[in-house]
């Protein structure tokens, strides 16, 4: 409750992009009843490579029962709760063989809530990131399921995250893939994965194919211009989501949080184990 109070204490949270999001939501909520809005604006719901629609799909229904100010704040509060609960859920799934991760790992969500993405008002990205954290928690909790059952479900979750924000989808796809790589490596293999030789490679290829399949509807579709830093032009979803993949492969901090523990456990198996590292939820939330 203490972490939510600053949002409740003001009429309009002072977040850079948030007023533009809120104004667009009001237009969408009142569009069908207002001829002036219909004359000045056109609603285009076609899929784009830089999808960024979480608030647009969730909040207009709240405008009417609630004032626009409160409708926007409800969305922000839901976004914060998704991040908090998603980090806690993921922390509880980081252990292997059903063992929970360290209890304090979920606390790492709280000091990050008011970080730079929030201050810039990237509310759709943060909402999508909260969904992605829950998606990763689900992915880890179903390690004992057959892969053909897990892949369609993660594809559905990935589709929802992609519509919320394309970059959050990239985070989900990259993290799920590298978790699987770590669990299937011989030196840090999770007990839920018996050695299957070529089947491990096939499973990883199938998981990597999900982002490609979800991105196909946007191939060649022009990107919507966004504030001068995202000029219109032909671009694919793959271009939009490639940044998180690069970060998870090359950046040292996320590397230690996701792939590093499994690599280290192969060198000093008596001292380090994958399930003992609480770095992943912090890196993913950050």
Protein backbone atom coordinates (compact mmCIF):
# COMPACT_ATOMS: atom_id res chain seq x y z
CA UNK A 1 0.00 0.00 0.00
CA UNK A 2 2.86 2.39 0.79
CA UNK A 3 4.28 1.88 -2.70
CA UNK A 4 0.93 2.86 -4.28
CA UNK A 5 0.26 5.97 -2.18
CA UNK A 6 2.21 8.46 -4.36
CA UNK A 7 -0.06 7.62 -7.32
CA UNK A 8 -3.20 7.98 -5.21
CA UNK A 9 -2.06 11.30 -3.76
CA UNK A 10 -2.15 13.26 -7.06
CA UNK A 11 -4.76 13.93 -9.73
CA UNK A 12 -2.39 13.30 -12.65
CA UNK A 13 0.82 11.40 -11.92
CA UNK A 14 3.72 13.50 -13.28
CA UNK A 15 4.97 10.95 -15.81
CA UNK A 16 6.33 12.23 -19.12
CA UNK A 17 4.29 10.24 -21.67
CA UNK A 18 1.29 9.53 -19.45
CA UNK A 19 -0.85 12.62 -20.35
CA UNK A 20 -0.65 11.66 -24.04
CA UNK A 21 -1.77 8.12 -23.22
CA UNK A 22 -4.65 9.44 -21.12
CA UNK A 23 -5.79 11.92 -23.79
CA UNK A 24 -5.82 9.17 -26.41
CA UNK A 25 -7.86 6.91 -24.11
CA UNK A 26 -10.47 9.65 -23.62
CA UNK A 27 -10.77 10.10 -27.39
CA UNK A 28 -11.22 6.33 -27.84
CA UNK A 29 -13.80 6.13 -25.05
CA UNK A 30 -15.96 8.97 -26.43
CA UNK A 31 -15.30 8.53 -30.13
CA UNK A 32 -18.55 6.82 -31.13
CA UNK A 33 -20.73 9.46 -29.42
CA UNK A 34 -18.83 12.61 -30.42
CA UNK A 35 -19.07 13.86 -34.04
CA UNK A 36 -16.27 16.37 -33.47
CA UNK A 37 -13.88 13.62 -32.42
CA UNK A 38 -14.91 11.58 -35.46
CA UNK A 39 -14.16 14.59 -37.68
CA UNK A 40 -10.73 15.21 -36.15
CA UNK A 41 -9.47 11.70 -35.48
CA UNK A 42 -9.45 8.27 -37.09
CA UNK A 43 -9.04 5.09 -35.05
CA UNK A 44 -6.70 2.56 -36.62
CA UNK A 45 -6.53 -0.79 -34.81
CA UNK A 46 -4.39 -2.60 -37.39
CA UNK A 47 -1.40 -4.51 -36.05
CA UNK A 48 1.94 -2.70 -36.24
CA UNK A 49 5.53 -3.79 -35.51
CA UNK A 50 5.71 -1.25 -32.66
CA UNK A 51 2.49 -2.35 -30.94
CA UNK A 52 1.84 -0.38 -27.78
CA UNK A 53 -1.82 -0.93 -26.94
CA UNK A 54 -2.21 -2.07 -23.32
CA UNK A 55 -3.82 1.11 -21.98
CA UNK A 56 -5.88 1.59 -25.15
CA UNK A 57 -7.49 -1.85 -24.80
CA UNK A 58 -8.05 -1.82 -21.03
CA UNK A 59 -8.83 1.74 -19.93
CA UNK A 60 -11.51 3.17 -22.31
CA UNK A 61 -14.14 0.91 -20.72
CA UNK A 62 -13.42 2.57 -17.38
CA UNK A 63 -14.05 6.09 -18.72
CA UNK A 64 -17.69 6.73 -17.90
CA UNK A 65 -18.07 4.68 -14.73
CA UNK A 66 -14.95 6.56 -13.56
CA UNK A 67 -13.54 9.97 -14.41
CA UNK A 68 -10.65 9.94 -16.90
CA UNK A 69 -8.28 10.81 -14.05
CA UNK A 70 -9.33 7.81 -11.99
CA UNK A 71 -9.52 5.49 -14.99
CA UNK A 72 -5.89 6.30 -15.77
CA UNK A 73 -4.82 5.85 -12.16
CA UNK A 74 -6.57 2.46 -11.97
CA UNK A 75 -4.52 1.34 -14.97
CA UNK A 76 -1.29 2.61 -13.39
CA UNK A 77 -2.08 0.87 -10.09
CA UNK A 78 -2.87 -2.35 -11.96
CA UNK A 79 0.44 -2.03 -13.80
CA UNK A 80 2.35 -1.64 -10.54
CA UNK A 81 0.54 -4.58 -8.95
CA UNK A 82 1.31 -6.73 -11.98
CA UNK A 83 5.01 -5.96 -11.63
CA UNK A 84 5.02 -6.63 -7.88
CA UNK A 85 3.01 -9.84 -8.03
CA UNK A 86 4.81 -11.03 -11.17
CA UNK A 87 8.21 -10.60 -9.53
CA UNK A 88 7.06 -12.46 -6.43
CA UNK A 89 5.56 -15.25 -8.57
CA UNK A 90 8.73 -15.59 -10.62
CA UNK A 91 10.88 -15.63 -7.48
CA UNK A 92 8.82 -18.55 -6.17
CA UNK A 93 9.48 -20.51 -9.38
CA UNK A 94 13.22 -19.99 -9.77
CA UNK A 95 14.21 -23.10 -7.81
CA UNK A 96 14.48 -26.53 -9.36
CA UNK A 97 12.64 -29.70 -8.34
CA UNK A 98 9.80 -27.65 -6.88
CA UNK A 99 11.99 -25.78 -4.41
CA UNK A 100 11.06 -22.11 -4.13
CA UNK A 101 13.51 -19.32 -4.75
CA UNK A 102 14.70 -17.11 -1.86
CA UNK A 103 11.82 -15.35 -0.11
CA UNK A 104 13.50 -11.94 -0.35
CA UNK A 105 13.88 -11.97 -4.14
CA UNK A 106 10.35 -10.60 -4.64
CA UNK A 107 11.14 -7.57 -2.51
CA UNK A 108 13.46 -6.38 -5.27
CA UNK A 109 10.40 -5.25 -7.24
CA UNK A 110 9.55 -2.43 -4.84
CA UNK A 111 12.53 -0.05 -5.20
CA UNK A 112 12.33 -0.42 -9.00
CA UNK A 113 8.65 0.57 -9.28
CA UNK A 114 9.48 4.28 -9.59
CA UNK A 115 12.46 3.78 -11.87
CA UNK A 116 13.22 5.59 -15.11
CA UNK A 117 10.69 3.70 -17.35
CA UNK A 118 7.90 4.63 -14.92
CA UNK A 119 9.01 8.26 -14.67
CA UNK A 120 9.01 8.48 -18.46
CA UNK A 121 5.43 7.22 -18.46
CA UNK A 122 6.10 4.02 -20.42
CA UNK A 123 2.99 2.52 -18.87
CA UNK A 124 2.18 0.14 -21.73
CA UNK A 125 5.67 -1.34 -21.62
CA UNK A 126 5.48 -1.76 -17.84
CA UNK A 127 2.03 -3.36 -18.07
CA UNK A 128 3.36 -5.75 -20.70
CA UNK A 129 6.40 -6.44 -18.55
CA UNK A 130 4.12 -7.39 -15.64
CA UNK A 131 2.32 -9.84 -17.93
CA UNK A 132 5.69 -11.14 -19.10
CA UNK A 133 6.80 -11.80 -15.51
CA UNK A 134 3.65 -13.83 -14.90
CA UNK A 135 4.23 -15.63 -18.20
CA UNK A 136 7.75 -16.57 -17.12
CA UNK A 137 6.45 -17.76 -13.75
CA UNK A 138 3.93 -19.95 -15.56
CA UNK A 139 6.62 -21.25 -17.92
CA UNK A 140 8.85 -22.27 -15.02
CA UNK A 141 5.99 -23.80 -13.02
CA UNK A 142 5.12 -26.14 -15.93
CA UNK A 143 8.59 -27.58 -16.49
CA UNK A 144 7.28 -31.08 -15.81
CA UNK A 145 4.58 -30.78 -18.54
CA UNK A 146 5.07 -32.13 -22.02
CA UNK A 147 6.43 -29.52 -24.41
CA UNK A 148 3.53 -29.80 -26.85
CA UNK A 149 1.22 -28.64 -24.06
CA UNK A 150 3.46 -25.80 -22.93
CA UNK A 151 4.24 -24.22 -26.30
CA UNK A 152 0.65 -23.26 -27.28
CA UNK A 153 0.05 -21.74 -23.85
CA UNK A 154 3.23 -19.64 -23.89
CA UNK A 155 2.30 -18.58 -27.45
CA UNK A 156 -1.07 -17.30 -26.17
CA UNK A 157 0.62 -15.45 -23.31
CA UNK A 158 3.22 -14.09 -25.73
CA UNK A 159 0.50 -12.81 -28.05
CA UNK A 160 -1.15 -10.90 -25.20
CA UNK A 161 2.18 -9.42 -24.13
CA UNK A 162 3.05 -8.49 -27.73
CA UNK A 163 -0.19 -6.54 -28.14
CA UNK A 164 0.44 -4.78 -24.81
CA UNK A 165 3.93 -3.72 -25.91
CA UNK A 166 6.31 -5.16 -28.49
CA UNK A 167 9.44 -4.69 -26.36
CA UNK A 168 7.88 -6.49 -23.37
CA UNK A 169 7.21 -9.38 -25.73
CA UNK A 170 10.90 -9.39 -26.62
CA UNK A 171 11.81 -9.63 -22.95
CA UNK A 172 9.43 -12.57 -22.44
CA UNK A 173 10.69 -14.44 -25.51
CA UNK A 174 14.36 -13.90 -24.69
CA UNK A 175 14.04 -14.79 -21.01
CA UNK A 176 12.00 -17.95 -21.64
CA UNK A 177 14.49 -19.10 -24.25
CA UNK A 178 17.59 -18.54 -22.10
CA UNK A 179 15.98 -20.13 -19.06
CA UNK A 180 15.43 -23.22 -21.19
CA UNK A 181 19.02 -23.15 -22.43
CA UNK A 182 20.27 -23.04 -18.85
CA UNK A 183 17.99 -25.85 -17.67
CA UNK A 184 19.02 -28.13 -20.55
CA UNK A 185 22.80 -27.64 -20.40
CA UNK A 186 24.54 -30.81 -19.16
CA UNK A 187 26.53 -28.92 -16.51
CA UNK A 188 23.46 -27.37 -14.88
CA UNK A 189 20.60 -29.59 -16.05
CA UNK A 190 17.33 -29.24 -14.19
CA UNK A 191 16.01 -32.58 -12.82
CA UNK A 192 12.74 -31.90 -14.64
CA UNK A 193 14.62 -32.37 -17.94
CA UNK A 194 16.07 -35.87 -18.42
CA UNK A 195 18.82 -35.92 -21.09
CA UNK A 196 17.26 -36.31 -24.52
CA UNK A 197 20.15 -35.42 -26.85
CA UNK A 198 18.69 -34.14 -30.12
CA UNK A 199 15.28 -33.54 -28.54
CA UNK A 200 16.75 -30.74 -26.44
CA UNK A 201 17.85 -28.94 -29.60
CA UNK A 202 14.46 -29.54 -31.20
CA UNK A 203 12.67 -28.13 -28.15
CA UNK A 204 14.82 -24.98 -28.19
CA UNK A 205 14.20 -24.50 -31.91
CA UNK A 206 10.45 -24.86 -31.36
CA UNK A 207 10.54 -22.28 -28.57
CA UNK A 208 12.59 -19.87 -30.70
CA UNK A 209 10.07 -20.26 -33.53
CA UNK A 210 7.21 -18.82 -31.45
CA UNK A 211 8.39 -15.18 -31.70
CA UNK A 212 8.91 -15.66 -35.43
CA UNK A 213 5.38 -16.97 -35.86
CA UNK A 214 3.81 -14.19 -33.81
CA UNK A 215 5.80 -11.58 -35.75
CA UNK A 216 4.66 -12.76 -39.20
CA UNK A 217 1.42 -10.66 -39.30
CA UNK A 218 3.48 -7.47 -39.01
CA UNK A 219 6.19 -8.22 -41.57
CA UNK A 220 6.47 -5.32 -43.98
CA UNK A 221 3.83 -3.24 -42.17
CA UNK A 222 4.84 0.43 -41.76
CA UNK A 223 5.80 1.57 -38.28
CA UNK A 224 3.66 4.33 -36.79
CA UNK A 225 5.67 7.49 -36.12
CA UNK A 226 6.21 8.15 -32.43
CA UNK A 227 7.47 11.47 -31.11
CA UNK A 228 10.29 11.98 -33.57
CA UNK A 229 12.49 9.09 -32.45
CA UNK A 230 10.54 6.38 -34.26
CA UNK A 231 10.07 7.62 -37.84
CA UNK A 232 7.49 5.93 -40.07
CA UNK A 233 8.81 3.29 -42.38
CA UNK A 234 8.77 -0.40 -43.21
CA UNK A 235 9.98 -2.44 -40.28
CA UNK A 236 9.24 -5.88 -38.93
CA UNK A 237 8.35 -6.92 -35.41
CA UNK A 238 11.69 -8.73 -35.34
CA UNK A 239 13.50 -5.39 -35.57
CA UNK A 240 11.47 -4.04 -32.66
CA UNK A 241 12.03 -6.97 -30.31
CA UNK A 242 15.66 -7.74 -31.12
CA UNK A 243 17.06 -5.39 -28.45
CA UNK A 244 16.14 -7.57 -25.42
CA UNK A 245 17.72 -10.59 -27.11
CA UNK A 246 20.97 -8.70 -27.53
CA UNK A 247 20.81 -7.49 -23.93
CA UNK A 248 20.25 -10.98 -22.54
CA UNK A 249 23.07 -12.42 -24.64
CA UNK A 250 25.73 -9.74 -24.17
CA UNK A 251 25.03 -7.45 -21.18
CA UNK A 252 27.02 -8.65 -18.14
CA UNK A 253 24.38 -8.06 -15.44
CA UNK A 254 21.43 -9.89 -17.03
CA UNK A 255 23.91 -12.54 -18.18
CA UNK A 256 24.79 -13.29 -14.58
CA UNK A 257 21.14 -13.30 -13.63
CA UNK A 258 19.88 -15.67 -16.33
CA UNK A 259 22.60 -17.69 -18.03
CA UNK A 260 25.57 -17.04 -15.76
CA UNK A 261 24.54 -19.14 -12.72
CA UNK A 262 24.26 -22.30 -14.81
CA UNK A 263 27.65 -21.68 -16.36
CA UNK A 264 29.26 -21.00 -12.98
CA UNK A 265 27.65 -24.06 -11.43
CA UNK A 266 29.58 -26.22 -13.88
CA UNK A 267 32.90 -24.90 -12.57
CA UNK A 268 32.15 -24.98 -8.85
CA UNK A 269 29.18 -27.33 -8.44
CA UNK A 270 29.69 -27.58 -4.69
CA UNK A 271 29.40 -23.83 -4.15
CA UNK A 272 27.00 -22.43 -6.76
CA UNK A 273 23.66 -23.68 -8.06
CA UNK A 274 21.14 -22.20 -10.49
CA UNK A 275 18.35 -22.01 -7.91
CA UNK A 276 20.43 -19.99 -5.45
CA UNK A 277 20.76 -16.88 -7.64
CA UNK A 278 18.05 -14.27 -7.00
CA UNK A 279 19.35 -12.00 -9.74
CA UNK A 280 16.86 -12.95 -12.47
CA UNK A 281 13.71 -11.24 -11.11
CA UNK A 282 15.69 -8.07 -10.43
CA UNK A 283 17.15 -8.00 -13.93
CA UNK A 284 13.84 -8.77 -15.60
CA UNK A 285 11.96 -6.15 -13.64
CA UNK A 286 14.70 -3.59 -14.26
